[in-house]
């Protein structure tokens, strides 16, 4: 009998709990009772800053960046608010602020899905926001480019083009003065072709650290950057050898310093470039061993990465002999009208180079020295460049440079 009674009590107890739960659920779903709840960490948004800017003013600080809202609403509204928690915010309007501290009213902004007629804002903490307004300070800062990454092997970054090349930073003087550099940063790996596009601008301090949460504005948030990616290649330097003085290219030893340079440029410009010619050397000017300096000139589309502007070319002649002749056959030519030319130099020593047997066959009578006076226009004695002619085999030739003194009179 007692066991049956105990079993009945347990049945009644479980039934009572179940009925209570069902009744609570009924009340919640049908009556939707009013509940008051706090919502914290609600962000404060500022509006009306453009009006301040037009007056040369700016908001330097707010007394609070977040607030707490005490909301009274049915449970269903609270559930909706919780589901869209990130859409809850408050705004303060600074359009009527003046320089100094301004007390501003907080205006809440609710999610668009919430029926605001069924909720009321009981209180807020803080109840007012203090906005400190200062004179607007502006400064122009150049925009620089920075590549955070690397280019593919055999390529090099060219000179970037940036637009705009500078931006105006505006805000409180203490905030703007922290900005030391404005950079457009490209993060990429293995670049092998030109990049072009808009890049966001990043603010850096004097130590290169990124500045965040500054109360400043830029007149442009991005910069359009064109970054050439060029090919880098080592190219040999060369000179052309003009036969002369009895010597041909096979008689010359040539040494060039530097022998090659690194060149960068568009791939199509470098595709057919196998060497860079410095110019030519007249072997008639080489006596024994001579050193010549040549400028290293490149097509405007190419860049000398190595940086050497000149090259030193040493040329030596081997396998040939020389013989000197005393030449008296000195002939003034193109004498200016009304003048008489008299050679002061009566005999000139001329050096001829070539194979030994060919040199032995030459006579001084085969050598003539012409003195061109077409550019001499004053009376008196002048030292004039002379041209030496040798009527002999092309396997021999005159070497060196010659000057003859000539008197010009009327």
Protein backbone atom coordinates (compact mmCIF):
# COMPACT_ATOMS: atom_id res chain seq x y z
CA UNK A 1 0.00 0.00 0.00
CA UNK A 2 2.84 2.41 0.93
CA UNK A 3 4.75 1.57 -2.26
CA UNK A 4 1.70 2.44 -4.39
CA UNK A 5 1.27 5.70 -2.53
CA UNK A 6 4.93 6.66 -3.12
CA UNK A 7 4.65 5.87 -6.81
CA UNK A 8 1.55 8.07 -7.04
CA UNK A 9 3.38 10.99 -5.42
CA UNK A 10 6.24 10.76 -7.91
CA UNK A 11 3.76 10.74 -10.76
CA UNK A 12 2.01 13.84 -9.40
CA UNK A 13 5.36 15.62 -8.90
CA UNK A 14 6.56 15.00 -12.45
CA UNK A 15 3.19 16.01 -13.82
CA UNK A 16 3.30 19.25 -11.84
CA UNK A 17 6.77 20.12 -13.19
CA UNK A 18 5.68 19.41 -16.73
CA UNK A 19 2.55 21.55 -16.34
CA UNK A 20 4.66 24.39 -14.90
CA UNK A 21 7.04 24.28 -17.85
CA UNK A 22 4.19 24.22 -20.31
CA UNK A 23 2.50 27.11 -18.55
CA UNK A 24 5.76 29.18 -18.57
CA UNK A 25 6.25 28.49 -22.26
CA UNK A 26 2.63 29.48 -22.90
CA UNK A 27 3.05 32.73 -21.05
CA UNK A 28 6.28 33.54 -22.88
CA UNK A 29 4.87 32.81 -26.31
CA UNK A 30 1.47 34.32 -25.90
CA UNK A 31 1.82 37.24 -23.51
CA UNK A 32 5.50 38.28 -24.47
CA UNK A 33 6.23 40.04 -21.16
CA UNK A 34 8.14 43.34 -20.91
CA UNK A 35 11.78 42.99 -19.80
CA UNK A 36 14.50 45.57 -19.08
CA UNK A 37 18.06 44.73 -20.12
CA UNK A 38 21.44 46.46 -20.51
CA UNK A 39 23.42 46.50 -23.78
CA UNK A 40 27.07 47.42 -23.33
CA UNK A 41 30.00 48.33 -25.62
CA UNK A 42 27.72 50.18 -28.02
CA UNK A 43 29.93 52.22 -30.42
CA UNK A 44 29.58 55.99 -30.77
CA UNK A 45 29.40 57.29 -34.36
CA UNK A 46 30.10 60.94 -35.18
CA UNK A 47 28.10 62.78 -37.85
CA UNK A 48 28.34 66.37 -39.10
CA UNK A 49 32.13 66.48 -39.36
CA UNK A 50 31.96 67.97 -42.87
CA UNK A 51 30.25 71.05 -41.48
CA UNK A 52 33.09 71.48 -38.99
CA UNK A 53 35.70 71.00 -41.69
CA UNK A 54 34.13 73.76 -43.78
CA UNK A 55 34.61 76.04 -40.77
CA UNK A 56 38.23 75.01 -40.28
CA UNK A 57 37.42 72.94 -37.19
CA UNK A 58 37.77 69.27 -36.25
CA UNK A 59 36.84 66.92 -33.40
CA UNK A 60 40.01 66.16 -31.47
CA UNK A 61 38.46 63.79 -28.89
CA UNK A 62 35.27 62.29 -27.46
CA UNK A 63 34.73 61.68 -23.76
CA UNK A 64 33.57 58.13 -24.58
CA UNK A 65 33.93 55.85 -27.58
CA UNK A 66 31.29 53.39 -26.29
CA UNK A 67 28.15 53.61 -24.17
CA UNK A 68 25.69 51.32 -22.29
CA UNK A 69 22.00 51.36 -23.10
CA UNK A 70 19.24 50.24 -20.74
CA UNK A 71 16.36 49.03 -22.93
CA UNK A 72 12.82 48.06 -21.93
CA UNK A 73 11.05 45.88 -24.49
CA UNK A 74 9.13 42.61 -24.89
CA UNK A 75 11.18 39.45 -24.88
CA UNK A 76 10.70 39.03 -28.60
CA UNK A 77 12.31 42.46 -29.21
CA UNK A 78 15.24 41.60 -26.97
CA UNK A 79 15.78 38.39 -28.89
CA UNK A 80 15.84 40.39 -32.11
CA UNK A 81 18.32 42.86 -30.59
CA UNK A 82 20.59 40.03 -29.51
CA UNK A 83 20.46 38.47 -32.98
CA UNK A 84 21.56 41.79 -34.53
CA UNK A 85 23.83 42.99 -31.73
CA UNK A 86 26.44 44.46 -34.10
CA UNK A 87 23.83 46.77 -35.67
CA UNK A 88 23.18 48.66 -32.42
CA UNK A 89 24.99 52.02 -32.22
CA UNK A 90 24.55 55.61 -31.13
CA UNK A 91 25.34 58.84 -32.96
CA UNK A 92 26.36 62.31 -31.89
CA UNK A 93 25.92 65.28 -34.22
CA UNK A 94 28.86 67.72 -34.14
CA UNK A 95 27.64 70.00 -36.92
CA UNK A 96 26.70 72.78 -34.43
CA UNK A 97 29.77 72.47 -32.24
CA UNK A 98 32.10 75.37 -31.58
CA UNK A 99 35.76 75.44 -30.62
CA UNK A 100 36.24 73.94 -27.14
CA UNK A 101 34.15 71.39 -25.21
CA UNK A 102 30.60 70.61 -26.35
CA UNK A 103 27.98 68.49 -24.55
CA UNK A 104 26.14 66.32 -27.07
CA UNK A 105 22.98 64.22 -26.83
CA UNK A 106 23.17 60.55 -27.71
CA UNK A 107 20.81 59.28 -30.40
CA UNK A 108 20.43 55.49 -30.53
CA UNK A 109 20.31 53.58 -33.80
CA UNK A 110 18.53 50.19 -33.83
CA UNK A 111 18.62 47.28 -36.27
CA UNK A 112 16.25 47.79 -39.19
CA UNK A 113 14.41 44.55 -38.34
CA UNK A 114 13.37 45.80 -34.88
CA UNK A 115 9.97 47.41 -34.25
CA UNK A 116 11.11 50.49 -32.33
CA UNK A 117 7.53 51.34 -31.31
CA UNK A 118 7.68 48.45 -28.87
CA UNK A 119 10.90 49.43 -27.07
CA UNK A 120 11.92 52.36 -24.93
CA UNK A 121 15.35 53.60 -23.86
CA UNK A 122 15.23 53.81 -20.08
CA UNK A 123 18.73 55.21 -19.54
CA UNK A 124 22.19 55.46 -20.98
CA UNK A 125 25.68 55.57 -19.51
CA UNK A 126 27.06 58.13 -19.96
CA UNK A 127 23.98 60.23 -20.57
CA UNK A 128 25.92 62.86 -22.61
CA UNK A 129 29.09 62.83 -24.74
CA UNK A 130 31.65 65.61 -24.50
CA UNK A 131 33.21 66.46 -27.88
CA UNK A 132 36.36 68.58 -27.84
CA UNK A 133 36.68 70.68 -30.99
CA UNK A 134 39.93 72.27 -32.17
CA UNK A 135 41.08 74.26 -35.16
CA UNK A 136 41.73 72.04 -38.18
CA UNK A 137 45.44 71.59 -38.97
CA UNK A 138 46.55 70.48 -42.43
CA UNK A 139 49.89 69.33 -43.82
CA UNK A 140 50.94 68.06 -47.25
CA UNK A 141 52.94 64.82 -47.21
CA UNK A 142 54.58 63.12 -50.20
CA UNK A 143 53.35 59.62 -51.05
CA UNK A 144 56.06 56.99 -51.28
CA UNK A 145 55.92 53.39 -52.48
CA UNK A 146 56.99 50.26 -50.65
CA UNK A 147 57.09 46.68 -51.92
CA UNK A 148 56.54 44.08 -49.24
CA UNK A 149 57.54 40.99 -51.14
CA UNK A 150 59.98 40.20 -53.92
CA UNK A 151 60.27 39.97 -57.66
CA UNK A 152 60.90 36.79 -59.61
CA UNK A 153 64.47 35.70 -60.30
CA UNK A 154 66.05 37.69 -63.14
CA UNK A 155 63.72 40.66 -62.68
CA UNK A 156 64.02 44.01 -60.97
CA UNK A 157 61.65 46.70 -59.74
CA UNK A 158 61.65 49.81 -61.90
CA UNK A 159 60.80 53.36 -60.82
CA UNK A 160 57.15 53.54 -59.71
CA UNK A 161 54.75 56.24 -60.90
CA UNK A 162 52.39 57.37 -58.11
CA UNK A 163 49.22 59.43 -58.45
CA UNK A 164 48.59 61.49 -56.42
CA UNK A 165 52.22 62.13 -55.54
CA UNK A 166 51.20 63.86 -52.30
CA UNK A 167 48.18 64.01 -49.99
CA UNK A 168 46.82 66.53 -47.50
CA UNK A 169 46.56 65.22 -43.94
CA UNK A 170 43.96 67.08 -41.84
CA UNK A 171 43.05 66.91 -38.17
CA UNK A 172 44.13 68.09 -34.73
CA UNK A 173 47.68 69.39 -34.71
CA UNK A 174 48.84 66.74 -32.20
CA UNK A 175 47.46 63.96 -34.40
CA UNK A 176 48.72 65.31 -37.75
CA UNK A 177 52.20 65.96 -36.37
CA UNK A 178 52.59 62.23 -35.67
CA UNK A 179 52.42 61.45 -39.39
CA UNK A 180 55.93 61.30 -40.80
CA UNK A 181 55.33 59.32 -43.99
CA UNK A 182 52.43 58.22 -46.20
CA UNK A 183 53.11 55.02 -48.14
CA UNK A 184 51.35 52.92 -50.73
CA UNK A 185 52.28 49.32 -49.89
CA UNK A 186 52.16 46.45 -52.38
CA UNK A 187 52.31 42.96 -50.91
CA UNK A 188 53.12 40.42 -53.59
CA UNK A 189 55.51 37.59 -54.33
CA UNK A 190 57.38 36.63 -57.52
CA UNK A 191 56.38 39.69 -59.53
CA UNK A 192 57.39 39.20 -63.16
CA UNK A 193 55.21 41.77 -64.90
CA UNK A 194 54.14 45.37 -64.51
CA UNK A 195 51.72 46.14 -61.69
CA UNK A 196 49.13 48.90 -61.98
CA UNK A 197 46.26 49.59 -59.63
CA UNK A 198 44.95 51.46 -56.59
CA UNK A 199 46.72 50.82 -53.28
CA UNK A 200 45.46 51.95 -49.85
CA UNK A 201 47.56 54.58 -48.12
CA UNK A 202 49.21 53.77 -44.78
CA UNK A 203 50.37 56.34 -42.24
CA UNK A 204 53.78 55.86 -40.58
CA UNK A 205 55.51 57.66 -37.72
CA UNK A 206 59.13 58.84 -37.70
CA UNK A 207 60.33 55.34 -36.74
CA UNK A 208 58.40 53.61 -39.51
CA UNK A 209 55.64 52.25 -37.27
CA UNK A 210 52.09 52.05 -38.63
CA UNK A 211 49.78 54.65 -37.09
CA UNK A 212 46.25 53.48 -36.30
CA UNK A 213 43.20 55.12 -34.71
CA UNK A 214 44.40 58.63 -35.53
CA UNK A 215 41.69 61.27 -35.75
CA UNK A 216 42.96 62.50 -39.13
CA UNK A 217 41.59 62.48 -42.65
CA UNK A 218 43.32 62.29 -46.05
CA UNK A 219 42.08 64.00 -49.18
CA UNK A 220 42.73 60.68 -50.95
CA UNK A 221 42.52 57.26 -49.33
CA UNK A 222 44.32 55.44 -52.17
CA UNK A 223 47.04 56.06 -54.74
CA UNK A 224 47.20 54.69 -58.27
CA UNK A 225 50.61 53.04 -58.69
CA UNK A 226 52.26 51.84 -61.89
CA UNK A 227 55.26 49.67 -61.03
CA UNK A 228 57.44 48.52 -63.93
CA UNK A 229 59.02 45.10 -63.48
CA UNK A 230 62.04 44.86 -65.76
CA UNK A 231 64.45 42.14 -66.79
CA UNK A 232 68.02 42.27 -65.43
CA UNK A 233 70.78 40.79 -67.55
CA UNK A 234 74.59 40.83 -67.67
CA UNK A 235 75.78 42.15 -71.05
CA UNK A 236 79.38 42.14 -72.33
CA UNK A 237 81.10 45.31 -73.58
CA UNK A 238 82.94 45.34 -76.90
CA UNK A 239 84.85 47.61 -79.28
CA UNK A 240 85.25 47.50 -83.04
CA UNK A 241 88.81 47.47 -84.40
CA UNK A 242 89.50 49.47 -87.57
CA UNK A 243 92.50 48.20 -89.55
CA UNK A 244 95.27 50.75 -89.74
CA UNK A 245 98.99 51.25 -89.43
CA UNK A 246 99.57 47.82 -90.95
CA UNK A 247 97.57 46.11 -88.18
CA UNK A 248 94.30 44.21 -88.38
CA UNK A 249 92.06 42.82 -85.62
CA UNK A 250 94.06 39.59 -85.42
CA UNK A 251 97.16 41.62 -84.46
CA UNK A 252 95.44 43.26 -81.48
CA UNK A 253 94.96 42.13 -77.90
CA UNK A 254 92.01 43.93 -76.27
CA UNK A 255 91.19 44.23 -72.57
CA UNK A 256 88.03 46.05 -71.38
CA UNK A 257 87.40 47.08 -67.78
CA UNK A 258 84.67 46.48 -66.79
CA UNK A 259 84.17 43.68 -69.29
CA UNK A 260 80.41 43.60 -68.69
CA UNK A 261 77.64 45.51 -66.92
CA UNK A 262 74.22 44.64 -65.53
CA UNK A 263 71.45 46.14 -67.64
CA UNK A 264 67.74 46.33 -66.87
CA UNK A 265 64.85 47.09 -69.17
CA UNK A 266 61.73 45.71 -70.85
CA UNK A 267 62.03 42.09 -71.85
CA UNK A 268 61.51 42.90 -75.53
CA UNK A 269 64.32 45.50 -75.45
CA UNK A 270 66.79 43.04 -73.93
CA UNK A 271 65.79 40.03 -76.00
CA UNK A 272 68.19 40.71 -78.87
CA UNK A 273 70.89 42.51 -76.86
CA UNK A 274 73.99 40.29 -76.83
CA UNK A 275 76.66 42.97 -76.32
CA UNK A 276 77.10 46.72 -75.99
CA UNK A 277 79.49 48.36 -78.47
CA UNK A 278 81.50 51.18 -76.98
CA UNK A 279 82.71 52.43 -80.37
CA UNK A 280 85.75 51.76 -82.51
CA UNK A 281 89.53 51.97 -82.17
CA UNK A 282 91.66 52.97 -85.14
CA UNK A 283 94.65 50.63 -84.92
CA UNK A 284 96.74 53.26 -86.65
CA UNK A 285 96.52 55.23 -83.37
CA UNK A 286 97.84 52.33 -81.33
CA UNK A 287 101.57 52.44 -80.83
CA UNK A 288 102.72 49.46 -78.80
CA UNK A 289 100.00 49.55 -76.15
CA UNK A 290 97.43 52.31 -75.63
CA UNK A 291 94.49 52.83 -73.27
CA UNK A 292 91.31 54.53 -74.41
CA UNK A 293 88.33 55.67 -72.31
CA UNK A 294 84.84 55.24 -73.75
CA UNK A 295 81.47 56.38 -72.36
CA UNK A 296 78.96 53.57 -71.82
CA UNK A 297 75.89 54.68 -73.74
CA UNK A 298 72.58 52.81 -73.61
CA UNK A 299 69.27 53.07 -75.36
CA UNK A 300 66.90 55.33 -73.32
CA UNK A 301 64.66 52.32 -72.65
CA UNK A 302 67.50 50.58 -70.76
CA UNK A 303 69.14 51.30 -67.41
CA UNK A 304 72.75 50.75 -66.40
CA UNK A 305 72.24 48.91 -63.10
CA UNK A 306 75.98 48.56 -62.42
CA UNK A 307 76.38 52.32 -62.59
CA UNK A 308 79.71 52.54 -64.46
CA UNK A 309 79.54 55.51 -66.82
CA UNK A 310 82.81 54.77 -68.66
CA UNK A 311 84.92 51.79 -69.64
CA UNK A 312 88.72 51.59 -70.04
CA UNK A 313 89.90 49.82 -73.20
CA UNK A 314 93.53 48.72 -73.46
CA UNK A 315 94.73 47.70 -76.94
CA UNK A 316 98.15 46.13 -77.64
CA UNK A 317 99.63 45.22 -81.01
CA UNK A 318 101.62 42.00 -81.39
CA UNK A 319 103.45 40.19 -84.22
CA UNK A 320 104.46 43.32 -86.18
CA UNK A 321 107.62 45.40 -86.51
CA UNK A 322 108.16 49.13 -86.97
CA UNK A 323 110.54 51.24 -89.03
CA UNK A 324 111.09 55.00 -88.99
CA UNK A 325 111.65 57.27 -92.00
CA UNK A 326 112.86 60.86 -92.29
CA UNK A 327 110.30 62.45 -94.59
CA UNK A 328 110.91 65.82 -96.27
CA UNK A 329 108.02 65.67 -98.74
CA UNK A 330 105.82 68.12 -96.79
CA UNK A 331 103.08 69.75 -98.90
CA UNK A 332 100.80 72.59 -97.67
CA UNK A 333 97.31 72.27 -99.21
CA UNK A 334 94.14 74.43 -99.18
CA UNK A 335 96.16 77.58 -98.47
CA UNK A 336 93.75 80.49 -97.76
CA UNK A 337 93.40 82.99 -100.60
CA UNK A 338 95.88 85.85 -100.37
CA UNK A 339 98.28 83.92 -98.12
CA UNK A 340 101.62 82.21 -98.73
CA UNK A 341 102.48 79.07 -96.77
CA UNK A 342 106.04 78.11 -95.87
CA UNK A 343 106.73 74.87 -93.98
CA UNK A 344 108.85 75.56 -90.92
CA UNK A 345 109.19 71.83 -90.29
CA UNK A 346 111.48 70.62 -93.06
CA UNK A 347 111.83 66.97 -92.03
CA UNK A 348 109.39 64.80 -90.04
CA UNK A 349 110.14 61.38 -88.57
CA UNK A 350 107.38 58.96 -89.58
CA UNK A 351 106.86 55.48 -88.10
CA UNK A 352 105.58 52.69 -90.31
CA UNK A 353 104.41 49.34 -88.99
CA UNK A 354 104.01 45.97 -90.65
CA UNK A 355 105.72 42.66 -91.38
CA UNK A 356 109.50 42.91 -91.33
CA UNK A 357 110.03 41.95 -94.98
CA UNK A 358 107.36 44.41 -96.16
CA UNK A 359 108.97 47.22 -94.17
CA UNK A 360 112.36 46.54 -95.78
CA UNK A 361 110.84 47.19 -99.20
CA UNK A 362 109.70 50.74 -98.33
CA UNK A 363 111.61 53.90 -99.33
CA UNK A 364 111.13 57.36 -97.80
CA UNK A 365 110.18 58.70 -101.27
CA UNK A 366 106.92 56.70 -100.99
CA UNK A 367 105.76 58.84 -98.04
CA UNK A 368 104.02 62.21 -98.41
CA UNK A 369 102.84 64.59 -95.69
CA UNK A 370 99.88 66.86 -96.52
CA UNK A 371 99.21 69.86 -94.27
CA UNK A 372 95.61 71.15 -94.54
CA UNK A 373 95.61 74.94 -93.96
CA UNK A 374 91.91 75.54 -94.70
CA UNK A 375 91.18 76.32 -91.04
CA UNK A 376 94.22 78.55 -90.44
CA UNK A 377 93.25 82.20 -90.84
CA UNK A 378 95.95 84.15 -88.99
CA UNK A 379 99.40 85.15 -90.03
CA UNK A 380 102.41 83.69 -88.30
CA UNK A 381 103.60 80.22 -87.38
CA UNK A 382 101.00 77.54 -86.47
CA UNK A 383 101.28 73.88 -85.53
CA UNK A 384 98.85 72.11 -87.86
CA UNK A 385 97.69 68.46 -87.89
CA UNK A 386 99.19 66.59 -90.82
CA UNK A 387 98.00 63.59 -92.83
CA UNK A 388 100.67 61.05 -93.84
CA UNK A 389 100.20 59.00 -97.01
CA UNK A 390 102.16 55.85 -97.78
CA UNK A 391 102.23 54.53 -101.33
CA UNK A 392 102.91 50.89 -100.47
CA UNK A 393 101.29 47.53 -99.75
CA UNK A 394 98.21 47.54 -97.53
CA UNK A 395 100.04 45.17 -95.19
CA UNK A 396 101.99 48.13 -93.83
CA UNK A 397 100.79 51.46 -92.54
CA UNK A 398 101.72 54.69 -90.78
CA UNK A 399 101.07 54.82 -87.04
CA UNK A 400 100.78 57.75 -84.68
CA UNK A 401 99.61 61.35 -85.03
CA UNK A 402 101.68 64.08 -86.65
CA UNK A 403 101.85 67.90 -86.48
CA UNK A 404 103.83 70.22 -88.74
CA UNK A 405 104.73 73.87 -88.10
CA UNK A 406 103.83 76.17 -91.01
CA UNK A 407 104.31 79.94 -91.45
CA UNK A 408 101.42 81.79 -93.08
CA UNK A 409 102.04 85.24 -94.54
CA UNK A 410 100.46 87.67 -96.98
